[in-house]
Amino acid sequence: MITFYPGPSKVYPEVGQYLQEAFESGVISANHRSAAFMEMLAETISNLKLKLDVPADYEVYFVSSATECWEIIAQSLISVPSLHIYNGAFGEKWMEYTQKITSGASSFYFDHNALPELPFASKLSGSELICLTHNETSNGTALPASFLESLRSESDNLIAVDATSSMAGVELPWESADIWYASVQKCFGLPAGMGVLILSPRAVERAIELGERKHYNSLLFIRENFLKNQTPFTPNILGIYLLNRIMQQVKPIEEVAEQTALRSREWYQFLTKYRYPLVVTNEAARSETVIAVAGTREKTAQIKEAAKKAGIVLGNGYGTQKDTSFRIANFPAISSQEIAMLQQFLVSFAGK
């Protein structure tokens, strides 16, 4: 089966080879306080920062998932209400989860065919942390870098960004935010089971100021261990090994992003040509990595079922659009040949 599911999605084909290497090297049986593991962890972080062009003074930690990052941020970086700006299901879930922990998260909802307007003066006052979803996996939208840059220029607040379905696939304006996080089962092209959390010096200072140390995954506890090239708990050693090998393999992010953007333009042109309606009609709000196609409940079900019979897995719709849309992952690990096969299928199905 060829999968275009937007996470977990297709892994790089070289992962099979790297799995065998990891087994044969013995590193996956190494103690996470050992010199071998510490060296691998340091190398992985160095390679990730190099290939993704992360600022030198930003710190990188590995956790279990992007969802765990919701908890870490709420526990360790928030003391007064946070503001969550979102247009889709995952941004809303982040807000709801934060409310359970802090009882103070507020929301600013905007339509998926619009971009949020600045300034948010009335909303920003009283909020120490602004939470944004850079690429909303549920509906195929994205915030342009220009929005994040404008927000940074207008606000002194800490800014946290969910980049789960865009990190490692597009260039990110790192210095426009203080907290970035993602899971590896999307643009990283890896099996699920690990999250990447990246913090600016300002975010680290805020964590130190709050001094929260009540939990096994308190940010300061995580940081203190990572500064020693260790982890506070037994980590996903295999996941770290695979991430290191993939970061060694992939091209620098500016080259990866160029390919992502080109494929994205070609996808939207193709779908328009063959009269496939798009969930996001506003081109400025469209994602480059998750493409959402609209349709009736009946037509959508027919396309997904026919694709499955043809050996192709499409992503289901999500939330309120679960049955009236399907999603196509445009992640780096997906090959041009696989894209051609899906497009050939969609051409054959067009007009039915």
Protein backbone atom coordinates (compact mmCIF):
# COMPACT_ATOMS: atom_id res chain seq x y z
CA MET A 1 0.00 0.00 0.00
CA ILE A 2 1.11 3.56 -0.75
CA THR A 3 0.10 5.91 2.05
CA PHE A 4 -0.71 9.59 1.81
CA TYR A 5 -2.16 9.63 5.30
CA PRO A 6 -1.04 12.85 7.04
CA GLY A 7 0.45 11.15 10.07
CA PRO A 8 1.57 8.60 10.84
CA SER A 9 2.67 8.80 7.24
CA LYS A 10 5.20 7.21 4.96
CA VAL A 11 8.67 6.74 6.43
CA TYR A 12 11.79 7.20 4.36
CA PRO A 13 12.64 3.87 2.67
CA GLU A 14 16.14 4.00 4.19
CA VAL A 15 14.60 3.57 7.66
CA GLY A 16 14.57 -0.20 7.15
CA GLN A 17 18.33 -0.17 6.68
CA TYR A 18 18.80 2.12 9.68
CA LEU A 19 16.72 -0.19 11.88
CA GLN A 20 19.08 -3.06 11.06
CA GLU A 21 22.09 -0.83 11.71
CA ALA A 22 20.69 0.18 15.10
CA PHE A 23 20.20 -3.45 16.07
CA GLU A 24 23.63 -4.53 14.93
CA SER A 25 25.41 -1.58 16.58
CA GLY A 26 24.01 -2.44 20.00
CA VAL A 27 23.17 1.19 20.71
CA ILE A 28 19.49 0.44 21.26
CA SER A 29 20.50 -1.73 24.21
CA ALA A 30 22.78 0.94 25.65
CA ASN A 31 22.11 2.52 29.04
CA HIS A 32 20.82 6.06 28.56
CA ARG A 33 23.53 7.30 30.96
CA SER A 34 26.28 5.60 28.96
CA ALA A 35 28.92 7.40 26.92
CA ALA A 36 27.65 5.77 23.72
CA PHE A 37 24.13 7.12 24.21
CA MET A 38 25.29 10.57 25.31
CA GLU A 39 27.46 10.87 22.22
CA MET A 40 24.57 9.82 19.97
CA LEU A 41 22.17 12.27 21.63
CA ALA A 42 24.59 15.17 21.22
CA GLU A 43 25.21 14.24 17.59
CA THR A 44 21.48 13.96 16.85
CA ILE A 45 20.75 17.41 18.26
CA SER A 46 23.71 18.89 16.37
CA ASN A 47 22.59 17.35 13.07
CA LEU A 48 18.98 18.44 13.58
CA LYS A 49 19.98 22.04 14.29
CA LEU A 50 22.30 22.02 11.28
CA LYS A 51 19.83 20.57 8.76
CA LEU A 52 16.79 22.54 10.00
CA ASP A 53 18.79 25.76 10.48
CA VAL A 54 17.76 26.14 14.12
CA PRO A 55 19.43 29.16 15.81
CA ALA A 56 22.54 28.21 17.76
CA ASP A 57 21.17 29.54 21.05
CA TYR A 58 17.88 27.59 20.85
CA GLU A 59 17.77 24.35 22.82
CA VAL A 60 16.42 21.01 21.54
CA TYR A 61 14.81 18.28 23.66
CA PHE A 62 13.20 14.96 22.72
CA VAL A 63 9.96 13.88 24.42
CA SER A 64 7.29 11.27 23.72
CA SER A 65 5.02 13.25 21.40
CA ALA A 66 3.72 16.65 20.36
CA THR A 67 0.75 16.04 22.65
CA GLU A 68 3.11 15.73 25.62
CA CYS A 69 4.42 19.17 24.70
CA TRP A 70 0.96 20.58 25.50
CA GLU A 71 1.41 19.28 29.03
CA ILE A 72 5.00 20.44 29.43
CA ILE A 73 4.17 23.95 28.23
CA ALA A 74 1.10 24.23 30.48
CA GLN A 75 2.95 22.92 33.55
CA SER A 76 6.24 24.73 33.17
CA LEU A 77 5.70 27.93 31.18
CA ILE A 78 2.31 29.30 32.18
CA SER A 79 1.33 31.07 35.40
CA VAL A 80 -1.40 33.38 34.05
CA PRO A 81 -3.94 32.71 31.25
CA SER A 82 -2.57 31.78 27.83
CA LEU A 83 -4.14 32.90 24.55
CA HIS A 84 -4.77 30.25 21.89
CA ILE A 85 -5.27 31.46 18.31
CA TYR A 86 -6.64 28.69 16.09
CA ASN A 87 -8.92 27.73 13.22
CA GLY A 88 -9.04 23.96 13.52
CA ALA A 89 -9.36 20.87 15.68
CA PHE A 90 -5.77 20.52 16.87
CA GLY A 91 -5.43 24.16 17.90
CA GLU A 92 -8.69 23.81 19.80
CA LYS A 93 -7.56 20.57 21.48
CA TRP A 94 -4.36 22.28 22.63
CA MET A 95 -6.45 25.05 24.20
CA GLU A 96 -8.83 22.59 25.88
CA TYR A 97 -5.96 20.51 27.26
CA THR A 98 -4.27 23.62 28.65
CA GLN A 99 -7.53 24.63 30.33
CA LYS A 100 -7.58 21.32 32.19
CA ILE A 101 -4.18 22.08 33.71
CA THR A 102 -4.23 25.85 34.17
CA SER A 103 -7.96 26.67 34.21
CA GLY A 104 -7.16 29.90 32.41
CA ALA A 105 -6.63 29.41 28.68
CA SER A 106 -8.57 31.78 26.44
CA SER A 107 -9.26 31.40 22.73
CA PHE A 108 -9.34 33.47 19.56
CA TYR A 109 -10.99 31.54 16.74
CA PHE A 110 -10.69 32.53 13.09
CA ASP A 111 -12.18 31.01 9.95
CA HIS A 112 -10.14 28.46 8.03
CA ASN A 113 -10.42 30.57 4.87
CA ALA A 114 -9.07 33.67 6.58
CA LEU A 115 -5.92 34.76 8.35
CA PRO A 116 -6.06 36.18 11.88
CA GLU A 117 -5.89 39.96 11.97
CA LEU A 118 -3.41 41.98 13.99
CA PRO A 119 -3.28 43.54 16.49
CA PHE A 120 -4.91 41.55 19.27
CA ALA A 121 -4.42 44.31 21.84
CA SER A 122 -7.52 43.49 23.87
CA LYS A 123 -6.75 39.78 23.80
CA LEU A 124 -3.02 40.00 24.41
CA SER A 125 -3.32 41.98 27.61
CA GLY A 126 -3.14 39.63 30.55
CA SER A 127 -1.76 36.73 28.52
CA GLU A 128 1.87 35.75 28.97
CA LEU A 129 1.92 33.06 26.29
CA ILE A 130 0.39 33.11 22.80
CA CYS A 131 -0.23 29.64 21.34
CA LEU A 132 -0.52 29.12 17.59
CA THR A 133 -0.84 26.21 15.20
CA HIS A 134 1.54 26.84 12.32
CA ASN A 135 0.11 24.09 10.12
CA GLU A 136 -3.36 22.85 11.03
CA THR A 137 -3.32 19.18 10.07
CA SER A 138 -7.08 18.81 10.44
CA ASN A 139 -8.10 21.21 7.67
CA GLY A 140 -5.03 21.89 5.51
CA THR A 141 -4.36 25.48 6.53
CA ALA A 142 -1.14 27.24 7.50
CA LEU A 143 0.00 30.55 8.92
CA PRO A 144 2.45 32.42 6.68
CA ALA A 145 5.82 33.39 8.10
CA SER A 146 4.87 37.04 7.64
CA PHE A 147 2.07 36.66 10.19
CA LEU A 148 4.39 35.22 12.82
CA GLU A 149 6.95 37.94 12.12
CA SER A 150 4.29 40.65 12.48
CA LEU A 151 3.00 39.13 15.70
CA ARG A 152 6.52 39.04 17.12
CA SER A 153 7.06 42.70 16.25
CA GLU A 154 3.80 43.76 17.92
CA SER A 155 4.01 41.68 21.10
CA ASP A 156 6.46 41.03 23.90
CA ASN A 157 4.62 37.84 24.85
CA LEU A 158 6.23 34.45 24.64
CA ILE A 159 4.98 32.66 21.52
CA ALA A 160 4.50 28.89 21.26
CA VAL A 161 3.96 27.17 17.91
CA ASP A 162 2.64 23.73 17.03
CA ALA A 163 4.61 22.78 13.90
CA THR A 164 3.67 19.11 13.99
CA SER A 165 2.91 18.75 10.28
CA SER A 166 5.39 21.32 8.95
CA MET A 167 8.68 20.98 10.86
CA ALA A 168 11.32 19.35 8.60
CA GLY A 169 9.15 20.00 5.55
CA VAL A 170 9.20 23.80 5.29
CA GLU A 171 11.47 26.56 6.52
CA LEU A 172 10.31 27.91 9.87
CA PRO A 173 10.86 31.48 11.11
CA TRP A 174 12.46 30.24 14.32
CA GLU A 175 13.18 33.63 15.85
CA SER A 176 9.53 34.69 15.48
CA ALA A 177 8.58 32.31 18.31
CA ASP A 178 10.03 30.98 21.55
CA ILE A 179 8.63 27.45 21.72
CA TRP A 180 8.32 25.12 18.74
CA TYR A 181 7.27 21.48 18.79
CA ALA A 182 6.45 18.62 16.44
CA SER A 183 6.15 14.85 16.20
CA VAL A 184 8.43 12.83 13.95
CA GLN A 185 5.78 10.78 12.11
CA LYS A 186 5.00 13.46 9.54
CA CYS A 187 7.60 15.58 7.68
CA PHE A 188 10.50 13.88 9.46
CA GLY A 189 9.55 10.64 7.69
CA LEU A 190 9.98 8.47 10.79
CA PRO A 191 7.86 5.98 12.75
CA ALA A 192 5.63 7.52 15.43
CA GLY A 193 6.78 7.63 19.03
CA MET A 194 8.80 10.77 19.61
CA GLY A 195 8.35 14.53 19.80
CA VAL A 196 10.81 17.39 19.24
CA LEU A 197 10.62 20.43 21.55
CA ILE A 198 12.69 23.53 20.72
CA LEU A 199 13.07 26.54 23.05
CA SER A 200 14.50 30.03 22.70
CA PRO A 201 16.64 31.63 25.44
CA ARG A 202 13.60 33.71 26.48
CA ALA A 203 11.53 30.57 27.01
CA VAL A 204 14.33 29.00 29.06
CA GLU A 205 14.52 32.14 31.20
CA ARG A 206 10.77 31.99 31.81
CA ALA A 207 10.97 28.33 32.85
CA ILE A 208 13.76 29.16 35.30
CA GLU A 209 11.76 32.09 36.66
CA LEU A 210 8.70 29.91 37.30
CA GLY A 211 10.84 27.10 38.73
CA GLU A 212 8.22 24.37 38.24
CA ARG A 213 9.56 20.94 39.27
CA LYS A 214 6.50 18.94 40.29
CA HIS A 215 6.40 16.39 37.47
CA TYR A 216 8.59 13.76 35.84
CA ASN A 217 8.40 15.82 32.64
CA SER A 218 8.85 19.26 34.19
CA LEU A 219 10.75 21.38 31.70
CA LEU A 220 13.61 22.25 34.05
CA PHE A 221 14.15 18.56 34.87
CA ILE A 222 14.24 17.75 31.15
CA ARG A 223 16.61 20.63 30.44
CA GLU A 224 19.06 19.82 33.21
CA ASN A 225 19.49 16.32 31.84
CA PHE A 226 19.77 17.37 28.19
CA LEU A 227 22.49 19.88 29.09
CA LYS A 228 24.47 16.81 30.16
CA ASN A 229 23.48 14.93 26.97
CA GLN A 230 21.21 12.71 29.03
CA THR A 231 17.48 12.37 29.51
CA PRO A 232 15.44 12.45 32.72
CA PHE A 233 13.76 9.13 31.93
CA THR A 234 14.52 6.19 29.67
CA PRO A 235 13.99 7.65 26.20
CA ASN A 236 13.04 6.29 22.81
CA ILE A 237 16.64 5.35 22.01
CA LEU A 238 15.72 3.78 18.68
CA GLY A 239 13.76 6.88 17.69
CA ILE A 240 16.73 9.12 18.50
CA TYR A 241 19.06 6.86 16.48
CA LEU A 242 16.72 6.93 13.48
CA LEU A 243 16.29 10.69 13.71
CA ASN A 244 20.06 11.11 13.70
CA ARG A 245 20.45 8.95 10.59
CA ILE A 246 17.64 10.78 8.78
CA MET A 247 19.15 14.16 9.65
CA GLN A 248 22.43 12.94 8.21
CA GLN A 249 20.62 11.83 5.06
CA VAL A 250 18.30 14.70 4.19
CA LYS A 251 19.26 17.87 2.36
CA PRO A 252 19.36 21.24 4.16
CA ILE A 253 15.89 22.55 4.94
CA GLU A 254 15.99 25.30 2.31
CA GLU A 255 16.32 22.62 -0.40
CA VAL A 256 13.67 20.38 1.18
CA ALA A 257 11.32 23.36 1.51
CA GLU A 258 11.82 24.30 -2.13
CA GLN A 259 10.72 20.81 -3.19
CA THR A 260 7.74 20.92 -0.79
CA ALA A 261 6.62 24.27 -2.20
CA LEU A 262 6.98 23.11 -5.80
CA ARG A 263 5.01 19.92 -5.18
CA SER A 264 2.36 21.89 -3.31
CA ARG A 265 1.84 24.29 -6.22
CA GLU A 266 1.62 21.36 -8.61
CA TRP A 267 -0.93 19.61 -6.37
CA TYR A 268 -3.22 22.62 -6.13
CA GLN A 269 -2.98 23.23 -9.90
CA PHE A 270 -3.73 19.58 -10.58
CA LEU A 271 -6.75 19.45 -8.27
CA THR A 272 -8.14 22.67 -9.72
CA LYS A 273 -7.66 21.42 -13.28
CA TYR A 274 -9.58 18.22 -12.59
CA ARG A 275 -12.31 20.02 -10.65
CA TYR A 276 -11.63 18.62 -7.22
CA PRO A 277 -13.03 21.17 -4.74
CA LEU A 278 -10.61 22.37 -2.06
CA VAL A 279 -11.45 22.84 1.60
CA VAL A 280 -9.27 25.96 1.71
CA THR A 281 -10.27 28.34 -1.07
CA ASN A 282 -8.06 31.19 0.16
CA GLU A 283 -4.63 30.53 -1.39
CA ALA A 284 -2.90 32.62 1.29
CA ALA A 285 -4.19 30.26 4.01
CA ARG A 286 -3.32 26.95 2.36
CA SER A 287 -0.87 24.46 3.78
CA GLU A 288 2.02 23.20 1.66
CA THR A 289 2.26 19.90 3.51
CA VAL A 290 -1.38 18.82 4.07
CA ILE A 291 -3.84 19.27 1.22
CA ALA A 292 -7.55 18.97 2.04
CA VAL A 293 -10.02 18.06 -0.72
CA ALA A 294 -13.75 18.67 -0.20
CA GLY A 295 -16.72 16.70 -1.50
CA THR A 296 -20.09 15.27 -0.67
CA ARG A 297 -20.26 12.51 1.91
CA GLU A 298 -21.06 9.94 -0.80
CA LYS A 299 -18.37 11.07 -3.27
CA THR A 300 -15.69 11.27 -0.59
CA ALA A 301 -16.45 7.74 0.60
CA GLN A 302 -16.34 6.44 -2.98
CA ILE A 303 -12.95 8.02 -3.68
CA LYS A 304 -11.37 6.71 -0.49
CA GLU A 305 -12.71 3.20 -1.04
CA ALA A 306 -11.63 3.09 -4.69
CA ALA A 307 -8.19 4.40 -3.73
CA LYS A 308 -7.83 1.69 -1.13
CA LYS A 309 -8.65 -0.98 -3.69
CA ALA A 310 -5.99 0.57 -5.93
CA GLY A 311 -3.41 0.24 -3.14
CA ILE A 312 -3.49 3.90 -2.08
CA VAL A 313 -4.36 5.17 1.39
CA LEU A 314 -5.81 8.66 1.58
CA GLY A 315 -6.19 10.60 4.80
CA ASN A 316 -9.66 10.83 6.27
CA GLY A 317 -11.20 14.21 6.88
CA TYR A 318 -11.07 15.42 10.48
CA GLY A 319 -13.52 16.89 12.96
CA THR A 320 -16.58 18.50 11.40
CA GLN A 321 -15.22 17.66 7.92
CA LYS A 322 -14.50 14.01 8.68
CA ASP A 323 -16.97 12.61 6.14
CA THR A 324 -16.92 15.43 3.59
CA SER A 325 -13.22 15.71 2.82
CA PHE A 326 -10.04 13.69 2.41
CA ARG A 327 -6.46 14.79 3.03
CA ILE A 328 -3.29 14.24 1.02
CA ALA A 329 0.08 14.37 2.77
CA ASN A 330 2.75 16.27 0.86
CA PHE A 331 5.65 15.17 3.04
CA PRO A 332 9.30 14.88 1.91
CA ALA A 333 9.49 11.08 2.22
CA ILE A 334 6.79 10.60 -0.42
CA SER A 335 8.33 9.96 -3.82
CA SER A 336 7.50 11.63 -7.12
CA GLN A 337 6.52 8.22 -8.51
CA GLU A 338 3.98 7.74 -5.72
CA ILE A 339 2.53 11.19 -6.34
CA ALA A 340 2.21 10.35 -10.04
CA MET A 341 0.33 7.14 -9.17
CA LEU A 342 -2.15 8.99 -6.97
CA GLN A 343 -2.67 11.68 -9.58
CA GLN A 344 -3.26 9.04 -12.25
CA PHE A 345 -5.90 7.48 -10.00
CA LEU A 346 -7.56 10.84 -9.39
CA VAL A 347 -7.62 11.60 -13.13
CA SER A 348 -9.40 8.30 -13.72
CA PHE A 349 -11.90 9.13 -11.00
CA ALA A 350 -12.53 12.74 -12.05
CA GLY A 351 -16.00 13.37 -13.44
CA LYS A 352 -17.48 10.13 -12.07
